[in-house]
C-alpha atoms as a PDB file:
ATOM      1  CA  MET A   1     -32.399  91.269   2.751  1.00  0.00           C
ATOM      2  CA  ALA A   2     -28.617  90.760   2.787  1.00  0.00           C
ATOM      3  CA  LEU A   3     -26.394  92.373   5.396  1.00  0.00           C
ATOM      4  CA  THR A   4     -24.585  95.465   4.058  1.00  0.00           C
ATOM      5  CA  ILE A   5     -21.088  96.543   4.970  1.00  0.00           C
ATOM      6  CA  GLN A   6     -22.531  99.598   6.665  1.00  0.00           C
ATOM      7  CA  GLN A   7     -24.924  97.479   8.839  1.00  0.00           C
ATOM      8  CA  LEU A   8     -22.211  94.948   9.655  1.00  0.00           C
ATOM      9  CA  ALA A   9     -19.798  97.752  10.737  1.00  0.00           C
ATOM     10  CA  GLU A  10     -22.386  99.596  12.831  1.00  0.00           C
ATOM     11  CA  ARG A  11     -23.553  96.413  14.552  1.00  0.00           C
ATOM     12  CA  SER A  12     -19.998  95.245  15.145  1.00  0.00           C
ATOM     13  CA  VAL A  13     -18.992  98.613  16.589  1.00  0.00           C
ATOM     14  CA  ARG A  14     -21.940  98.624  18.976  1.00  0.00           C
ATOM     15  CA  LYS A  15     -21.003  95.148  20.205  1.00  0.00           C
ATOM     16  CA  ALA A  16     -17.299  95.965  20.552  1.00  0.00           C
ATOM     17  CA  ARG A  17     -17.865  99.221  22.456  1.00  0.00           C
ATOM     18  CA  GLY A  18     -19.980  97.387  25.065  1.00  0.00           C
ATOM     19  CA  GLY A  19     -21.889 100.598  25.967  1.00  0.00           C
ATOM     20  CA  PHE A  20     -18.761 102.882  25.917  1.00  0.00           C
ATOM     21  CA  SER A  21     -18.468 105.878  23.605  1.00  0.00           C
ATOM     22  CA  GLU A  22     -16.126 106.162  20.663  1.00  0.00           C
ATOM     23  CA  ASN A  23     -13.869 108.520  22.550  1.00  0.00           C
ATOM     24  CA  GLU A  24     -13.669 106.087  25.473  1.00  0.00           C
ATOM     25  CA  VAL A  25     -12.638 103.046  23.494  1.00  0.00           C
ATOM     26  CA  GLY A  26     -11.381 104.341  20.131  1.00  0.00           C
ATOM     27  CA  ILE A  27     -13.675 102.031  18.054  1.00  0.00           C
ATOM     28  CA  ASP A  28     -15.410 103.659  15.026  1.00  0.00           C
ATOM     29  CA  VAL A  29     -17.434 102.532  11.988  1.00  0.00           C
ATOM     30  CA  ALA A  30     -14.673 103.637   9.477  1.00  0.00           C
ATOM     31  CA  ARG A  31     -12.201 101.227  11.110  1.00  0.00           C
ATOM     32  CA  ALA A  32     -14.752  98.458  11.253  1.00  0.00           C
ATOM     33  CA  ALA A  33     -15.424  98.838   7.495  1.00  0.00           C
ATOM     34  CA  MET A  34     -11.748  98.595   6.776  1.00  0.00           C
ATOM     35  CA  LEU A  35     -11.595  95.255   8.719  1.00  0.00           C
ATOM     36  CA  VAL A  36     -14.606  93.687   6.979  1.00  0.00           C
ATOM     37  CA  PRO A  37     -12.540  91.674   4.298  1.00  0.00           C
ATOM     38  CA  GLU A  38     -10.310  90.274   7.042  1.00  0.00           C
ATOM     39  CA  ALA A  39     -13.337  89.337   9.097  1.00  0.00           C
ATOM     40  CA  LEU A  40     -15.006  87.637   6.093  1.00  0.00           C
ATOM     41  CA  GLY A  41     -11.832  85.536   5.537  1.00  0.00           C
ATOM     42  CA  ASP A  42     -11.785  84.542   9.155  1.00  0.00           C
ATOM     43  CA  LEU A  43     -15.485  83.598   9.035  1.00  0.00           C
ATOM     44  CA  ALA A  44     -14.854  81.467   5.856  1.00  0.00           C
ATOM     45  CA  SER A  45     -12.053  79.620   7.504  1.00  0.00           C
ATOM     46  CA  VAL A  46     -13.951  78.870  10.652  1.00  0.00           C
ATOM     47  CA  ILE A  47     -16.974  77.550   8.706  1.00  0.00           C
ATOM     48  CA  ALA A  48     -14.817  75.519   6.339  1.00  0.00           C
ATOM     49  CA  MET A  49     -13.216  73.658   9.337  1.00  0.00           C
ATOM     50  CA  ASP A  50     -16.618  72.894  10.841  1.00  0.00           C
ATOM     51  CA  GLY A  51     -17.941  69.791   9.233  1.00  0.00           C
ATOM     52  CA  GLU A  52     -21.571  70.464  10.421  1.00  0.00           C
ATOM     53  CA  ARG A  53     -21.786  74.034   8.945  1.00  0.00           C
ATOM     54  CA  ARG A  54     -19.310  73.690   5.989  1.00  0.00           C
ATOM     55  CA  ASP A  55     -22.079  73.599   3.442  1.00  0.00           C
ATOM     56  CA  LEU A  56     -23.280  77.073   4.469  1.00  0.00           C
ATOM     57  CA  LEU A  57     -20.414  78.680   2.430  1.00  0.00           C
ATOM     58  CA  ARG A  58     -20.083  76.261  -0.500  1.00  0.00           C
ATOM     59  CA  HIS A  59     -20.090  77.036  -4.209  1.00  0.00           C
ATOM     60  CA  GLU A  60     -19.582  74.956  -7.344  1.00  0.00           C
ATOM     61  CA  TRP A  61     -16.916  76.104  -9.811  1.00  0.00           C
ATOM     62  CA  MET A  62     -16.672  74.607 -13.328  1.00  0.00           C
ATOM     63  CA  VAL A  63     -12.911  74.269 -13.863  1.00  0.00           C
ATOM     64  CA  THR A  64     -11.324  74.013 -17.342  1.00  0.00           C
ATOM     65  CA  LEU A  65      -8.133  72.102 -17.296  1.00  0.00           C
ATOM     66  CA  THR A  66      -5.192  72.020 -19.838  1.00  0.00           C
ATOM     67  CA  ASP A  67      -3.346  68.767 -19.707  1.00  0.00           C
ATOM     68  CA  GLY A  68      -5.020  68.101 -16.347  1.00  0.00           C
ATOM     69  CA  VAL A  69      -3.820  71.462 -14.848  1.00  0.00           C
ATOM     70  CA  ALA A  70      -5.707  74.668 -13.933  1.00  0.00           C
ATOM     71  CA  ASP A  71      -4.415  78.020 -12.666  1.00  0.00           C
ATOM     72  CA  LEU A  72      -6.609  79.086  -9.775  1.00  0.00           C
ATOM     73  CA  SER A  73      -4.988  82.519  -9.404  1.00  0.00           C
ATOM     74  CA  THR A  74      -7.227  83.989 -12.043  1.00  0.00           C
ATOM     75  CA  SER A  75     -10.157  86.209 -11.253  1.00  0.00           C
ATOM     76  CA  ASP A  76     -12.639  83.313 -11.820  1.00  0.00           C
ATOM     77  CA  TYR A  77     -11.463  81.960  -8.391  1.00  0.00           C
ATOM     78  CA  THR A  78     -11.199  85.246  -6.435  1.00  0.00           C
ATOM     79  CA  TYR A  79     -13.643  84.022  -3.718  1.00  0.00           C
ATOM     80  CA  LEU A  80     -12.490  80.367  -3.629  1.00  0.00           C
ATOM     81  CA  LEU A  81     -11.135  79.571  -0.165  1.00  0.00           C
ATOM     82  CA  LYS A  82      -8.060  77.834  -1.446  1.00  0.00           C
ATOM     83  CA  GLU A  83      -6.489  76.998   1.926  1.00  0.00           C
ATOM     84  CA  ALA A  84      -9.580  74.829   2.624  1.00  0.00           C
ATOM     85  CA  LEU A  85      -9.533  72.700  -0.565  1.00  0.00           C
ATOM     86  CA  GLN A  86      -8.942  69.679   1.506  1.00  0.00           C
ATOM     87  CA  TYR A  87     -12.652  69.937   2.438  1.00  0.00           C
ATOM     88  CA  SER A  88     -13.734  70.227  -1.127  1.00  0.00           C
ATOM     89  CA  THR A  89     -15.510  67.723  -3.414  1.00  0.00           C
ATOM     90  CA  ALA A  90     -14.505  67.337  -7.089  1.00  0.00           C
ATOM     91  CA  PHE A  91     -15.795  65.439 -10.053  1.00  0.00           C
ATOM     92  CA  ASP A  92     -14.191  64.708 -13.392  1.00  0.00           C
ATOM     93  CA  LEU A  93     -16.557  65.825 -16.201  1.00  0.00           C
ATOM     94  CA  THR A  94     -14.185  65.046 -19.071  1.00  0.00           C
ATOM     95  CA  VAL A  95     -15.859  61.901 -20.492  1.00  0.00           C
ATOM     96  CA  ASP A  96     -19.488  62.884 -19.831  1.00  0.00           C
ATOM     97  CA  PRO A  97     -20.624  66.108 -18.150  1.00  0.00           C
ATOM     98  CA  ASP A  98     -23.788  64.368 -16.998  1.00  0.00           C
ATOM     99  CA  ARG A  99     -21.851  61.629 -15.306  1.00  0.00           C
ATOM    100  CA  ARG A 100     -19.770  62.864 -12.421  1.00  0.00           C
ATOM    101  CA  ASN A 101     -16.815  60.723 -11.589  1.00  0.00           C
ATOM    102  CA  PRO A 102     -15.656  61.617  -8.018  1.00  0.00           C
ATOM    103  CA  LEU A 103     -11.992  62.604  -7.423  1.00  0.00           C
ATOM    104  CA  VAL A 104      -9.992  62.070  -4.284  1.00  0.00           C
ATOM    105  CA  PHE A 105      -8.065  65.005  -2.820  1.00  0.00           C
ATOM    106  CA  LYS A 106      -4.318  64.614  -2.265  1.00  0.00           C
ATOM    107  CA  ARG A 107      -2.534  67.185  -0.043  1.00  0.00           C
ATOM    108  CA  HIS A 108       0.487  67.487  -2.356  1.00  0.00           C
ATOM    109  CA  ALA A 109       0.780  67.210  -6.157  1.00  0.00           C
ATOM    110  CA  HIS A 110       3.654  64.699  -5.957  1.00  0.00           C
ATOM    111  CA  GLN A 111       1.156  62.318  -4.265  1.00  0.00           C
ATOM    112  CA  LEU A 112      -0.855  62.045  -7.458  1.00  0.00           C
ATOM    113  CA  ASN A 113       1.692  59.474  -8.819  1.00  0.00           C
ATOM    114  CA  TRP A 114       2.359  57.300  -5.797  1.00  0.00           C
ATOM    115  CA  GLY A 115       0.176  55.555  -3.306  1.00  0.00           C
ATOM    116  CA  THR A 116      -2.865  55.827  -5.473  1.00  0.00           C
ATOM    117  CA  HIS A 117      -5.149  53.311  -7.037  1.00  0.00           C
ATOM    118  CA  LEU A 118      -6.108  53.371 -10.792  1.00  0.00           C
ATOM    119  CA  ALA A 119      -9.750  52.939  -9.850  1.00  0.00           C
ATOM    120  CA  PHE A 120      -9.863  56.482  -8.615  1.00  0.00           C
ATOM    121  CA  GLY A 121      -9.189  59.944 -10.040  1.00  0.00           C
ATOM    122  CA  TYR A 122      -7.259  62.408  -7.956  1.00  0.00           C
ATOM    123  CA  TYR A 123      -6.608  66.165  -7.572  1.00  0.00           C
ATOM    124  CA  ALA A 124      -4.189  68.324  -5.644  1.00  0.00           C
ATOM    125  CA  PHE A 125      -3.575  71.970  -5.147  1.00  0.00           C
ATOM    126  CA  GLU A 126      -0.202  73.697  -4.718  1.00  0.00           C
ATOM    127  CA  GLN A 127       0.901  77.295  -5.290  1.00  0.00           C
ATOM    128  CA  ASP A 128      -2.295  78.406  -7.032  1.00  0.00           C
ATOM    129  CA  THR A 129      -2.256  75.330  -9.417  1.00  0.00           C
ATOM    130  CA  LEU A 130      -4.800  72.608  -9.337  1.00  0.00           C
ATOM    131  CA  ARG A 131      -3.362  69.256 -10.773  1.00  0.00           C
ATOM    132  CA  THR A 132      -5.294  66.156 -11.535  1.00  0.00           C
ATOM    133  CA  ARG A 133      -4.847  62.458 -12.388  1.00  0.00           C
ATOM    134  CA  GLN A 134      -7.690  60.835 -14.186  1.00  0.00           C
ATOM    135  CA  GLN A 135      -9.211  57.525 -13.229  1.00  0.00           C
ATOM    136  CA  SER A 136      -7.410  54.534 -14.877  1.00  0.00           C
ATOM    137  CA  SER A 137      -4.427  56.794 -15.677  1.00  0.00           C
ATOM    138  CA  GLY A 138      -1.022  56.103 -14.266  1.00  0.00           C
ATOM    139  CA  SER A 139       0.524  59.307 -15.635  1.00  0.00           C
ATOM    140  CA  PRO A 140      -0.407  62.993 -15.883  1.00  0.00           C
ATOM    141  CA  THR A 141      -3.852  63.385 -17.095  1.00  0.00           C
ATOM    142  CA  SER A 142      -5.651  64.579 -20.086  1.00  0.00           C
ATOM    143  CA  MET A 143      -8.574  65.628 -17.913  1.00  0.00           C
ATOM    144  CA  THR A 144     -10.214  68.761 -19.424  1.00  0.00           C
ATOM    145  CA  SER A 145     -13.160  69.588 -17.266  1.00  0.00           C
ATOM    146  CA  MET A 146     -14.055  69.215 -13.614  1.00  0.00           C
ATOM    147  CA  ALA A 147     -16.597  70.441 -11.147  1.00  0.00           C
ATOM    148  CA  LEU A 148     -15.136  71.750  -7.876  1.00  0.00           C
ATOM    149  CA  ILE A 149     -17.455  72.246  -4.940  1.00  0.00           C
ATOM    150  CA  ALA A 150     -15.612  74.158  -2.343  1.00  0.00           C
ATOM    151  CA  ASN A 151     -15.839  76.817   0.368  1.00  0.00           C
ATOM    152  CA  TYR A 152     -15.841  80.481  -0.500  1.00  0.00           C
ATOM    153  CA  VAL A 153     -14.974  83.748   1.174  1.00  0.00           C
ATOM    154  CA  PRO A 154     -18.200  85.840   1.228  1.00  0.00           C
ATOM    155  CA  ALA A 155     -18.257  88.984  -0.887  1.00  0.00           C
ATOM    156  CA  MET A 156     -19.847  92.211   0.242  1.00  0.00           C
ATOM    157  CA  GLY A 157     -20.138  95.768  -1.127  1.00  0.00           C
ATOM    158  CA  THR A 158     -19.081  97.242  -4.454  1.00  0.00           C
ATOM    159  CA  ASN A 159     -16.358  94.481  -4.960  1.00  0.00           C
ATOM    160  CA  ALA A 160     -18.924  91.727  -4.951  1.00  0.00           C
ATOM    161  CA  PRO A 161     -19.902  90.179  -8.320  1.00  0.00           C
ATOM    162  CA  THR A 162     -23.357  90.837  -9.759  1.00  0.00           C
ATOM    163  CA  PRO A 163     -25.256  88.670  -9.148  1.00  0.00           C
ATOM    164  CA  ASN A 164     -23.541  87.691  -5.963  1.00  0.00           C
ATOM    165  CA  PRO A 165     -23.479  83.911  -5.265  1.00  0.00           C
ATOM    166  CA  PHE A 166     -20.958  84.472  -2.406  1.00  0.00           C
ATOM    167  CA  THR A 167     -23.254  86.013   0.204  1.00  0.00           C
ATOM    168  CA  VAL A 168     -23.227  85.711   3.973  1.00  0.00           C
ATOM    169  CA  PRO A 169     -26.146  83.419   4.945  1.00  0.00           C
ATOM    170  CA  PRO A 170     -28.416  84.977   7.644  1.00  0.00           C
ATOM    171  CA  GLU A 171     -27.551  82.268  10.060  1.00  0.00           C
ATOM    172  CA  LEU A 172     -23.893  83.368  10.020  1.00  0.00           C
ATOM    173  CA  GLU A 173     -24.454  87.118  10.351  1.00  0.00           C
ATOM    174  CA  ASP A 174     -24.278  87.122  14.201  1.00  0.00           C
ATOM    175  CA  GLU A 175     -20.978  85.114  14.023  1.00  0.00           C
ATOM    176  CA  LEU A 176     -19.566  87.514  11.510  1.00  0.00           C
ATOM    177  CA  ILE A 177     -20.479  90.503  13.753  1.00  0.00           C
ATOM    178  CA  THR A 178     -18.808  88.779  16.677  1.00  0.00           C
ATOM    179  CA  ILE A 179     -15.608  88.121  14.655  1.00  0.00           C
ATOM    180  CA  LEU A 180     -15.466  91.689  13.470  1.00  0.00           C
ATOM    181  CA  SER A 181     -16.165  93.163  16.937  1.00  0.00           C
ATOM    182  CA  GLU A 182     -13.312  90.973  18.440  1.00  0.00           C
ATOM    183  CA  LYS A 183     -11.013  92.426  15.781  1.00  0.00           C
ATOM    184  CA  LEU A 184     -12.087  95.904  16.700  1.00  0.00           C
ATOM    185  CA  LYS A 185     -11.478  95.216  20.393  1.00  0.00           C
ATOM    186  CA  GLU A 186      -8.018  93.794  19.715  1.00  0.00           C
ATOM    187  CA  GLY A 187      -6.868  97.108  18.143  1.00  0.00           C
ATOM    188  CA  ALA A 188      -8.819  99.485  20.409  1.00  0.00           C
ATOM    189  CA  LYS A 189      -7.325 101.768  23.000  1.00  0.00           C
ATOM    190  CA  LEU A 190      -9.682 100.562  25.704  1.00  0.00           C
ATOM    191  CA  LYS A 191      -9.751 102.869  28.675  1.00  0.00           C
ATOM    192  CA  MET A 192     -11.640 100.571  30.980  1.00  0.00           C
END
């Protein structure tokens, strides 16, 4: 069974208090629940940067492009960890959806047109916009469809989609509890 916000908050509070009472340390469940979204974002970033565990928080998005460009600020990409797209994998599906042509990530969109080889397709992300250059194309692309396999920020509670593909895997629950408890301790009025 998936960890709930209430369970996460309670377990994090217990860990943060370290045996002290709420009055002694000023750490409560309501504050913990408010910090859950921030803790989920921190967990996602830590996991995305860890090459050995990166796949624990990965999801595949089917991206529709117009003239090789897609707006990733829409609700379809709410849980996409955009700041970690350099760790993503992408495939051009324009010619044949069953044949995935890999794309190479470029850190900046202006790099799509220089220092590249026509044997490869490319993609870059800047300011909520995904831009591509199709294989064998020396100019902006007519790519219309791509698969983007990238890290996500887990979703919990009533804001999570149904069904929820953006869950916290059981093997990351303890780490999430630790992250949230550290956040609670940072803002606590510890009287130790």
